[in-house]
mmCIF file of all heavy atoms, coordinates in Angstrom:
data_MODEL
# 
_entry.id   MODEL 
# 
loop_
_atom_site.group_PDB 
_atom_site.id 
_atom_site.type_symbol 
_atom_site.label_atom_id 
_atom_site.label_alt_id 
_atom_site.label_comp_id 
_atom_site.label_asym_id 
_atom_site.label_entity_id 
_atom_site.label_seq_id 
_atom_site.pdbx_PDB_ins_code 
_atom_site.Cartn_x 
_atom_site.Cartn_y 
_atom_site.Cartn_z 
_atom_site.occupancy 
_atom_site.B_iso_or_equiv 
_atom_site.pdbx_formal_charge 
_atom_site.auth_seq_id 
_atom_site.auth_comp_id 
_atom_site.auth_asym_id 
_atom_site.auth_atom_id 
_atom_site.pdbx_PDB_model_num 
ATOM 1   N N   . GLY A 1 1  ? -30.330 106.296 82.025 1.00 0.00 ? 1  GLY A N   1 
ATOM 2   C CA  . GLY A 1 1  ? -29.866 105.191 81.153 1.00 0.00 ? 1  GLY A CA  1 
ATOM 3   C C   . GLY A 1 1  ? -29.996 105.539 79.673 1.00 0.00 ? 1  GLY A C   1 
ATOM 4   O O   . GLY A 1 1  ? -29.129 105.254 78.878 1.00 0.00 ? 1  GLY A O   1 
ATOM 5   N N   . ALA A 1 2  ? -31.130 106.170 79.321 1.00 0.00 ? 2  ALA A N   1 
ATOM 6   C CA  . ALA A 1 2  ? -31.391 106.513 77.966 1.00 0.00 ? 2  ALA A CA  1 
ATOM 7   C C   . ALA A 1 2  ? -30.400 107.612 77.515 1.00 0.00 ? 2  ALA A C   1 
ATOM 8   O O   . ALA A 1 2  ? -29.909 107.579 76.368 1.00 0.00 ? 2  ALA A O   1 
ATOM 9   C CB  . ALA A 1 2  ? -32.825 107.087 77.789 1.00 0.00 ? 2  ALA A CB  1 
ATOM 10  N N   . ALA A 1 3  ? -30.064 108.522 78.398 1.00 0.00 ? 3  ALA A N   1 
ATOM 11  C CA  . ALA A 1 3  ? -29.102 109.573 78.069 1.00 0.00 ? 3  ALA A CA  1 
ATOM 12  C C   . ALA A 1 3  ? -27.705 109.060 77.806 1.00 0.00 ? 3  ALA A C   1 
ATOM 13  O O   . ALA A 1 3  ? -26.930 109.632 77.066 1.00 0.00 ? 3  ALA A O   1 
ATOM 14  C CB  . ALA A 1 3  ? -29.102 110.620 79.140 1.00 0.00 ? 3  ALA A CB  1 
ATOM 15  N N   . ASP A 1 4  ? -27.382 107.946 78.505 1.00 0.00 ? 4  ASP A N   1 
ATOM 16  C CA  . ASP A 1 4  ? -26.034 107.392 78.332 1.00 0.00 ? 4  ASP A CA  1 
ATOM 17  C C   . ASP A 1 4  ? -25.988 106.365 77.173 1.00 0.00 ? 4  ASP A C   1 
ATOM 18  O O   . ASP A 1 4  ? -24.948 105.761 76.956 1.00 0.00 ? 4  ASP A O   1 
ATOM 19  C CB  . ASP A 1 4  ? -25.700 106.641 79.637 1.00 0.00 ? 4  ASP A CB  1 
ATOM 20  C CG  . ASP A 1 4  ? -25.332 107.596 80.755 1.00 0.00 ? 4  ASP A CG  1 
ATOM 21  O OD1 . ASP A 1 4  ? -25.019 108.741 80.425 1.00 0.00 ? 4  ASP A OD1 1 
ATOM 22  O OD2 . ASP A 1 4  ? -25.347 107.162 81.915 1.00 0.00 ? 4  ASP A OD2 1 
ATOM 23  N N   . GLU A 1 5  ? -27.084 106.200 76.447 1.00 0.00 ? 5  GLU A N   1 
ATOM 24  C CA  . GLU A 1 5  ? -27.157 105.235 75.380 1.00 0.00 ? 5  GLU A CA  1 
ATOM 25  C C   . GLU A 1 5  ? -27.246 105.896 74.042 1.00 0.00 ? 5  GLU A C   1 
ATOM 26  O O   . GLU A 1 5  ? -28.039 106.806 73.863 1.00 0.00 ? 5  GLU A O   1 
ATOM 27  C CB  . GLU A 1 5  ? -28.390 104.347 75.589 1.00 0.00 ? 5  GLU A CB  1 
ATOM 28  C CG  . GLU A 1 5  ? -28.452 103.110 74.784 1.00 0.00 ? 5  GLU A CG  1 
ATOM 29  C CD  . GLU A 1 5  ? -29.643 102.280 75.168 1.00 0.00 ? 5  GLU A CD  1 
ATOM 30  O OE1 . GLU A 1 5  ? -30.811 102.581 74.788 1.00 0.00 ? 5  GLU A OE1 1 
ATOM 31  O OE2 . GLU A 1 5  ? -29.472 101.288 75.945 1.00 0.00 ? 5  GLU A OE2 1 
ATOM 32  N N   . VAL A 1 6  ? -26.415 105.455 73.095 1.00 0.00 ? 6  VAL A N   1 
ATOM 33  C CA  . VAL A 1 6  ? -26.381 105.947 71.733 1.00 0.00 ? 6  VAL A CA  1 
ATOM 34  C C   . VAL A 1 6  ? -26.915 104.897 70.814 1.00 0.00 ? 6  VAL A C   1 
ATOM 35  O O   . VAL A 1 6  ? -26.339 103.829 70.727 1.00 0.00 ? 6  VAL A O   1 
ATOM 36  C CB  . VAL A 1 6  ? -24.974 106.391 71.308 1.00 0.00 ? 6  VAL A CB  1 
ATOM 37  C CG1 . VAL A 1 6  ? -24.990 106.934 69.872 1.00 0.00 ? 6  VAL A CG1 1 
ATOM 38  C CG2 . VAL A 1 6  ? -24.388 107.425 72.264 1.00 0.00 ? 6  VAL A CG2 1 
ATOM 39  N N   . LYS A 1 7  ? -27.980 105.222 70.084 1.00 0.00 ? 7  LYS A N   1 
ATOM 40  C CA  . LYS A 1 7  ? -28.560 104.177 69.202 1.00 0.00 ? 7  LYS A CA  1 
ATOM 41  C C   . LYS A 1 7  ? -27.959 104.238 67.812 1.00 0.00 ? 7  LYS A C   1 
ATOM 42  O O   . LYS A 1 7  ? -27.854 105.351 67.184 1.00 0.00 ? 7  LYS A O   1 
ATOM 43  C CB  . LYS A 1 7  ? -30.062 104.403 69.116 1.00 0.00 ? 7  LYS A CB  1 
ATOM 44  C CG  . LYS A 1 7  ? -30.862 103.939 70.322 1.00 0.00 ? 7  LYS A CG  1 
ATOM 45  C CD  . LYS A 1 7  ? -32.367 104.036 69.998 1.00 0.00 ? 7  LYS A CD  1 
ATOM 46  C CE  . LYS A 1 7  ? -33.185 103.544 71.151 1.00 0.00 ? 7  LYS A CE  1 
ATOM 47  N NZ  . LYS A 1 7  ? -34.648 103.588 70.881 1.00 0.00 ? 7  LYS A NZ  1 
ATOM 48  N N   . VAL A 1 8  ? -27.583 103.050 67.291 1.00 0.00 ? 8  VAL A N   1 
ATOM 49  C CA  . VAL A 1 8  ? -27.063 102.944 65.926 1.00 0.00 ? 8  VAL A CA  1 
ATOM 50  C C   . VAL A 1 8  ? -27.838 101.844 65.253 1.00 0.00 ? 8  VAL A C   1 
ATOM 51  O O   . VAL A 1 8  ? -28.038 100.745 65.835 1.00 0.00 ? 8  VAL A O   1 
ATOM 52  C CB  . VAL A 1 8  ? -25.561 102.628 65.908 1.00 0.00 ? 8  VAL A CB  1 
ATOM 53  C CG1 . VAL A 1 8  ? -25.039 102.485 64.453 1.00 0.00 ? 8  VAL A CG1 1 
ATOM 54  C CG2 . VAL A 1 8  ? -24.754 103.784 66.607 1.00 0.00 ? 8  VAL A CG2 1 
ATOM 55  N N   . GLY A 1 9  ? -28.253 102.037 64.051 1.00 0.00 ? 9  GLY A N   1 
ATOM 56  C CA  . GLY A 1 9  ? -29.015 101.088 63.295 1.00 0.00 ? 9  GLY A CA  1 
ATOM 57  C C   . GLY A 1 9  ? -28.167 100.020 62.634 1.00 0.00 ? 9  GLY A C   1 
ATOM 58  O O   . GLY A 1 9  ? -27.009 100.319 62.140 1.00 0.00 ? 9  GLY A O   1 
ATOM 59  N N   . VAL A 1 10 ? -28.563 98.740  62.595 1.00 0.00 ? 10 VAL A N   1 
ATOM 60  C CA  . VAL A 1 10 ? -27.940 97.703  61.869 1.00 0.00 ? 10 VAL A CA  1 
ATOM 61  C C   . VAL A 1 10 ? -28.978 97.233  60.874 1.00 0.00 ? 10 VAL A C   1 
ATOM 62  O O   . VAL A 1 10 ? -29.916 96.411  61.235 1.00 0.00 ? 10 VAL A O   1 
ATOM 63  C CB  . VAL A 1 10 ? -27.416 96.576  62.785 1.00 0.00 ? 10 VAL A CB  1 
ATOM 64  C CG1 . VAL A 1 10 ? -26.833 95.440  61.909 1.00 0.00 ? 10 VAL A CG1 1 
ATOM 65  C CG2 . VAL A 1 10 ? -26.402 97.104  63.731 1.00 0.00 ? 10 VAL A CG2 1 
ATOM 66  N N   . LEU A 1 11 ? -28.896 97.715  59.656 1.00 0.00 ? 11 LEU A N   1 
ATOM 67  C CA  . LEU A 1 11 ? -29.950 97.491  58.638 1.00 0.00 ? 11 LEU A CA  1 
ATOM 68  C C   . LEU A 1 11 ? -29.468 96.482  57.605 1.00 0.00 ? 11 LEU A C   1 
ATOM 69  O O   . LEU A 1 11 ? -28.617 96.798  56.800 1.00 0.00 ? 11 LEU A O   1 
ATOM 70  C CB  . LEU A 1 11 ? -30.257 98.820  57.974 1.00 0.00 ? 11 LEU A CB  1 
ATOM 71  C CG  . LEU A 1 11 ? -31.304 98.814  56.854 1.00 0.00 ? 11 LEU A CG  1 
ATOM 72  C CD1 . LEU A 1 11 ? -32.656 98.429  57.346 1.00 0.00 ? 11 LEU A CD1 1 
ATOM 73  C CD2 . LEU A 1 11 ? -31.300 100.220 56.148 1.00 0.00 ? 11 LEU A CD2 1 
ATOM 74  N N   . MET A 1 12 ? -29.998 95.274  57.650 1.00 0.00 ? 12 MET A N   1 
ATOM 75  C CA  . MET A 1 12 ? -29.499 94.179  56.788 1.00 0.00 ? 12 MET A CA  1 
ATOM 76  C C   . MET A 1 12 ? -30.688 93.271  56.350 1.00 0.00 ? 12 MET A C   1 
ATOM 77  O O   . MET A 1 12 ? -31.734 93.297  56.985 1.00 0.00 ? 12 MET A O   1 
ATOM 78  C CB  . MET A 1 12 ? -28.427 93.403  57.460 1.00 0.00 ? 12 MET A CB  1 
ATOM 79  C CG  . MET A 1 12 ? -27.162 94.154  57.734 1.00 0.00 ? 12 MET A CG  1 
ATOM 80  S SD  . MET A 1 12 ? -25.853 93.149  58.421 1.00 0.00 ? 12 MET A SD  1 
ATOM 81  C CE  . MET A 1 12 ? -24.533 94.397  58.634 1.00 0.00 ? 12 MET A CE  1 
ATOM 82  N N   . GLY A 1 13 ? -30.424 92.485  55.346 1.00 0.00 ? 13 GLY A N   1 
ATOM 83  C CA  . GLY A 1 13 ? -31.408 91.541  54.865 1.00 0.00 ? 13 GLY A CA  1 
ATOM 84  C C   . GLY A 1 13 ? -31.536 90.295  55.697 1.00 0.00 ? 13 GLY A C   1 
ATOM 85  O O   . GLY A 1 13 ? -31.050 89.223  55.307 1.00 0.00 ? 13 GLY A O   1 
ATOM 86  N N   . PHE A 1 14 ? -32.163 90.481  56.874 1.00 0.00 ? 14 PHE A N   1 
ATOM 87  C CA  . PHE A 1 14 ? -32.283 89.298  57.765 1.00 0.00 ? 14 PHE A CA  1 
ATOM 88  C C   . PHE A 1 14 ? -33.241 88.232  57.256 1.00 0.00 ? 14 PHE A C   1 
ATOM 89  O O   . PHE A 1 14 ? -33.250 87.063  57.689 1.00 0.00 ? 14 PHE A O   1 
ATOM 90  C CB  . PHE A 1 14 ? -32.704 89.761  59.171 1.00 0.00 ? 14 PHE A CB  1 
ATOM 91  C CG  . PHE A 1 14 ? -31.638 90.566  59.870 1.00 0.00 ? 14 PHE A CG  1 
ATOM 92  C CD1 . PHE A 1 14 ? -31.750 91.971  59.938 1.00 0.00 ? 14 PHE A CD1 1 
ATOM 93  C CD2 . PHE A 1 14 ? -30.514 89.931  60.410 1.00 0.00 ? 14 PHE A CD2 1 
ATOM 94  C CE1 . PHE A 1 14 ? -30.764 92.699  60.595 1.00 0.00 ? 14 PHE A CE1 1 
ATOM 95  C CE2 . PHE A 1 14 ? -29.546 90.686  61.059 1.00 0.00 ? 14 PHE A CE2 1 
ATOM 96  C CZ  . PHE A 1 14 ? -29.637 92.079  61.135 1.00 0.00 ? 14 PHE A CZ  1 
ATOM 97  N N   . THR A 1 15 ? -34.117 88.633  56.341 1.00 0.00 ? 15 THR A N   1 
ATOM 98  C CA  . THR A 1 15 ? -34.882 87.671  55.556 1.00 0.00 ? 15 THR A CA  1 
ATOM 99  C C   . THR A 1 15 ? -34.601 87.907  54.084 1.00 0.00 ? 15 THR A C   1 
ATOM 100 O O   . THR A 1 15 ? -34.104 88.967  53.684 1.00 0.00 ? 15 THR A O   1 
ATOM 101 C CB  . THR A 1 15 ? -36.408 87.865  55.835 1.00 0.00 ? 15 THR A CB  1 
ATOM 102 O OG1 . THR A 1 15 ? -36.775 89.183  55.400 1.00 0.00 ? 15 THR A OG1 1 
ATOM 103 C CG2 . THR A 1 15 ? -36.747 87.676  57.262 1.00 0.00 ? 15 THR A CG2 1 
ATOM 104 N N   . GLY A 1 16 ? -34.915 86.879  53.291 1.00 0.00 ? 16 GLY A N   1 
ATOM 105 C CA  . GLY A 1 16 ? -34.668 87.054  51.838 1.00 0.00 ? 16 GLY A CA  1 
ATOM 106 C C   . GLY A 1 16 ? -33.508 86.254  51.329 1.00 0.00 ? 16 GLY A C   1 
ATOM 107 O O   . GLY A 1 16 ? -33.025 85.238  51.970 1.00 0.00 ? 16 GLY A O   1 
ATOM 108 N N   . PRO A 1 17 ? -32.966 86.617  50.214 1.00 0.00 ? 17 PRO A N   1 
ATOM 109 C CA  . PRO A 1 17 ? -31.968 85.760  49.452 1.00 0.00 ? 17 PRO A CA  1 
ATOM 110 C C   . PRO A 1 17 ? -30.593 85.639  50.036 1.00 0.00 ? 17 PRO A C   1 
ATOM 111 O O   . PRO A 1 17 ? -29.801 84.861  49.597 1.00 0.00 ? 17 PRO A O   1 
ATOM 112 C CB  . PRO A 1 17 ? -31.958 86.379  48.031 1.00 0.00 ? 17 PRO A CB  1 
ATOM 113 C CG  . PRO A 1 17 ? -32.368 87.781  48.275 1.00 0.00 ? 17 PRO A CG  1 
ATOM 114 C CD  . PRO A 1 17 ? -33.375 87.797  49.377 1.00 0.00 ? 17 PRO A CD  1 
ATOM 115 N N   . ILE A 1 18 ? -30.218 86.464  51.094 1.00 0.00 ? 18 ILE A N   1 
ATOM 116 C CA  . ILE A 1 18 ? -28.943 86.292  51.722 1.00 0.00 ? 18 ILE A CA  1 
ATOM 117 C C   . ILE A 1 18 ? -29.104 86.127  53.247 1.00 0.00 ? 18 ILE A C   1 
ATOM 118 O O   . ILE A 1 18 ? -28.189 86.416  53.997 1.00 0.00 ? 18 ILE A O   1 
ATOM 119 C CB  . ILE A 1 18 ? -27.961 87.451  51.426 1.00 0.00 ? 18 ILE A CB  1 
ATOM 120 C CG1 . ILE A 1 18 ? -28.505 88.745  51.900 1.00 0.00 ? 18 ILE A CG1 1 
ATOM 121 C CG2 . ILE A 1 18 ? -27.675 87.520  49.946 1.00 0.00 ? 18 ILE A CG2 1 
ATOM 122 C CD1 . ILE A 1 18 ? -27.480 89.875  52.020 1.00 0.00 ? 18 ILE A CD1 1 
ATOM 123 N N   . GLU A 1 19 ? -30.280 85.631  53.663 1.00 0.00 ? 19 GLU A N   1 
ATOM 124 C CA  . GLU A 1 19 ? -30.571 85.580  55.096 1.00 0.00 ? 19 GLU A CA  1 
ATOM 125 C C   . GLU A 1 19 ? -29.605 84.687  55.868 1.00 0.00 ? 19 GLU A C   1 
ATOM 126 O O   . GLU A 1 19 ? -29.449 84.857  57.060 1.00 0.00 ? 19 GLU A O   1 
ATOM 127 C CB  . GLU A 1 19 ? -32.009 85.082  55.292 1.00 0.00 ? 19 GLU A CB  1 
ATOM 128 C CG  . GLU A 1 19 ? -32.295 83.734  54.731 1.00 0.00 ? 19 GLU A CG  1 
ATOM 129 C CD  . GLU A 1 19 ? -33.800 83.371  54.866 1.00 0.00 ? 19 GLU A CD  1 
ATOM 130 O OE1 . GLU A 1 19 ? -34.643 84.231  54.996 1.00 0.00 ? 19 GLU A OE1 1 
ATOM 131 O OE2 . GLU A 1 19 ? -34.083 82.133  54.773 1.00 0.00 ? 19 GLU A OE2 1 
ATOM 132 N N   . SER A 1 20 ? -28.919 83.763  55.188 1.00 0.00 ? 20 SER A N   1 
ATOM 133 C CA  . SER A 1 20 ? -27.960 82.877  55.920 1.00 0.00 ? 20 SER A CA  1 
ATOM 134 C C   . SER A 1 20 ? -26.668 83.631  56.119 1.00 0.00 ? 20 SER A C   1 
ATOM 135 O O   . SER A 1 20 ? -25.807 83.228  56.983 1.00 0.00 ? 20 SER A O   1 
ATOM 136 C CB  . SER A 1 20 ? -27.711 81.612  55.147 1.00 0.00 ? 20 SER A CB  1 
ATOM 137 O OG  . SER A 1 20 ? -27.060 81.823  53.918 1.00 0.00 ? 20 SER A OG  1 
ATOM 138 N N   . LEU A 1 21 ? -26.398 84.749  55.393 1.00 0.00 ? 21 LEU A N   1 
ATOM 139 C CA  . LEU A 1 21 ? -25.159 85.515  55.548 1.00 0.00 ? 21 LEU A CA  1 
ATOM 140 C C   . LEU A 1 21 ? -25.222 86.553  56.628 1.00 0.00 ? 21 LEU A C   1 
ATOM 141 O O   . LEU A 1 21 ? -24.287 86.873  57.327 1.00 0.00 ? 21 LEU A O   1 
ATOM 142 C CB  . LEU A 1 21 ? -24.784 86.151  54.216 1.00 0.00 ? 21 LEU A CB  1 
ATOM 143 C CG  . LEU A 1 21 ? -24.481 85.277  53.060 1.00 0.00 ? 21 LEU A CG  1 
ATOM 144 C CD1 . LEU A 1 21 ? -24.092 86.110  51.840 1.00 0.00 ? 21 LEU A CD1 1 
ATOM 145 C CD2 . LEU A 1 21 ? -23.384 84.288  53.362 1.00 0.00 ? 21 LEU A CD2 1 
ATOM 146 N N   . THR A 1 22 ? -26.394 87.237  56.723 1.00 0.00 ? 22 THR A N   1 
ATOM 147 C CA  . THR A 1 22 ? -26.500 88.455  57.518 1.00 0.00 ? 22 THR A CA  1 
ATOM 148 C C   . THR A 1 22 ? -26.328 88.263  59.039 1.00 0.00 ? 22 THR A C   1 
ATOM 149 O O   . THR A 1 22 ? -25.815 89.191  59.663 1.00 0.00 ? 22 THR A O   1 
ATOM 150 C CB  . THR A 1 22 ? -27.815 89.187  57.220 1.00 0.00 ? 22 THR A CB  1 
ATOM 151 O OG1 . THR A 1 22 ? -28.914 88.243  57.275 1.00 0.00 ? 22 THR A OG1 1 
ATOM 152 C CG2 . THR A 1 22 ? -27.817 89.814  55.896 1.00 0.00 ? 22 THR A CG2 1 
ATOM 153 N N   . PRO A 1 23 ? -26.721 87.150  59.644 1.00 0.00 ? 23 PRO A N   1 
ATOM 154 C CA  . PRO A 1 23 ? -26.528 87.067  61.081 1.00 0.00 ? 23 PRO A CA  1 
ATOM 155 C C   . PRO A 1 23 ? -25.016 87.252  61.494 1.00 0.00 ? 23 PRO A C   1 
ATOM 156 O O   . PRO A 1 23 ? -24.760 87.961  62.474 1.00 0.00 ? 23 PRO A O   1 
ATOM 157 C CB  . PRO A 1 23 ? -27.007 85.632  61.420 1.00 0.00 ? 23 PRO A CB  1 
ATOM 158 C CG  . PRO A 1 23 ? -28.038 85.388  60.413 1.00 0.00 ? 23 PRO A CG  1 
ATOM 159 C CD  . PRO A 1 23 ? -27.515 86.005  59.147 1.00 0.00 ? 23 PRO A CD  1 
ATOM 160 N N   . MET A 1 24 ? -24.098 86.644  60.765 1.00 0.00 ? 24 MET A N   1 
ATOM 161 C CA  . MET A 1 24 ? -22.702 86.847  61.097 1.00 0.00 ? 24 MET A CA  1 
ATOM 162 C C   . MET A 1 24 ? -22.178 88.219  60.729 1.00 0.00 ? 24 MET A C   1 
ATOM 163 O O   . MET A 1 24 ? -21.268 88.722  61.443 1.00 0.00 ? 24 MET A O   1 
ATOM 164 C CB  . MET A 1 24 ? -21.851 85.750  60.364 1.00 0.00 ? 24 MET A CB  1 
ATOM 165 C CG  . MET A 1 24 ? -22.046 84.393  60.978 1.00 0.00 ? 24 MET A CG  1 
ATOM 166 S SD  . MET A 1 24 ? -21.410 84.259  62.685 1.00 0.00 ? 24 MET A SD  1 
ATOM 167 C CE  . MET A 1 24 ? -21.759 82.562  63.058 1.00 0.00 ? 24 MET A CE  1 
ATOM 168 N N   . MET A 1 25 ? -22.753 88.825  59.710 1.00 0.00 ? 25 MET A N   1 
ATOM 169 C CA  . MET A 1 25 ? -22.352 90.180  59.388 1.00 0.00 ? 25 MET A CA  1 
ATOM 170 C C   . MET A 1 25 ? -22.804 91.162  60.434 1.00 0.00 ? 25 MET A C   1 
ATOM 171 O O   . MET A 1 25 ? -22.062 91.977  60.931 1.00 0.00 ? 25 MET A O   1 
ATOM 172 C CB  . MET A 1 25 ? -22.977 90.640  58.056 1.00 0.00 ? 25 MET A CB  1 
ATOM 173 C CG  . MET A 1 25 ? -22.395 89.878  56.820 1.00 0.00 ? 25 MET A CG  1 
ATOM 174 S SD  . MET A 1 25 ? -23.329 90.125  55.315 1.00 0.00 ? 25 MET A SD  1 
ATOM 175 C CE  . MET A 1 25 ? -23.397 91.904  55.221 1.00 0.00 ? 25 MET A CE  1 
ATOM 176 N N   . ALA A 1 26 ? -24.058 91.018  60.877 1.00 0.00 ? 26 ALA A N   1 
ATOM 177 C CA  . ALA A 1 26 ? -24.586 91.866  61.954 1.00 0.00 ? 26 ALA A CA  1 
ATOM 178 C C   . ALA A 1 26 ? -23.848 91.605  63.247 1.00 0.00 ? 26 ALA A C   1 
ATOM 179 O O   . ALA A 1 26 ? -23.495 92.546  63.949 1.00 0.00 ? 26 ALA A O   1 
ATOM 180 C CB  . ALA A 1 26 ? -26.077 91.584  62.164 1.00 0.00 ? 26 ALA A CB  1 
ATOM 181 N N   . GLY A 1 27 ? -23.536 90.325  63.488 1.00 0.00 ? 27 GLY A N   1 
ATOM 182 C CA  . GLY A 1 27 ? -22.780 90.001  64.740 1.00 0.00 ? 27 GLY A CA  1 
ATOM 183 C C   . GLY A 1 27 ? -21.417 90.610  64.693 1.00 0.00 ? 27 GLY A C   1 
ATOM 184 O O   . GLY A 1 27 ? -20.883 91.041  65.777 1.00 0.00 ? 27 GLY A O   1 
# 
C-alpha cells in the first residue's frame, strides 16, 4: 500500500488571518 502511494504536501494557512479561505483552497 505504501509503495503504491505518492505523498504530496498541501501547505496552507489553516490557522491565522486567512483561515476561513484555506479549507476551500485545500479542498
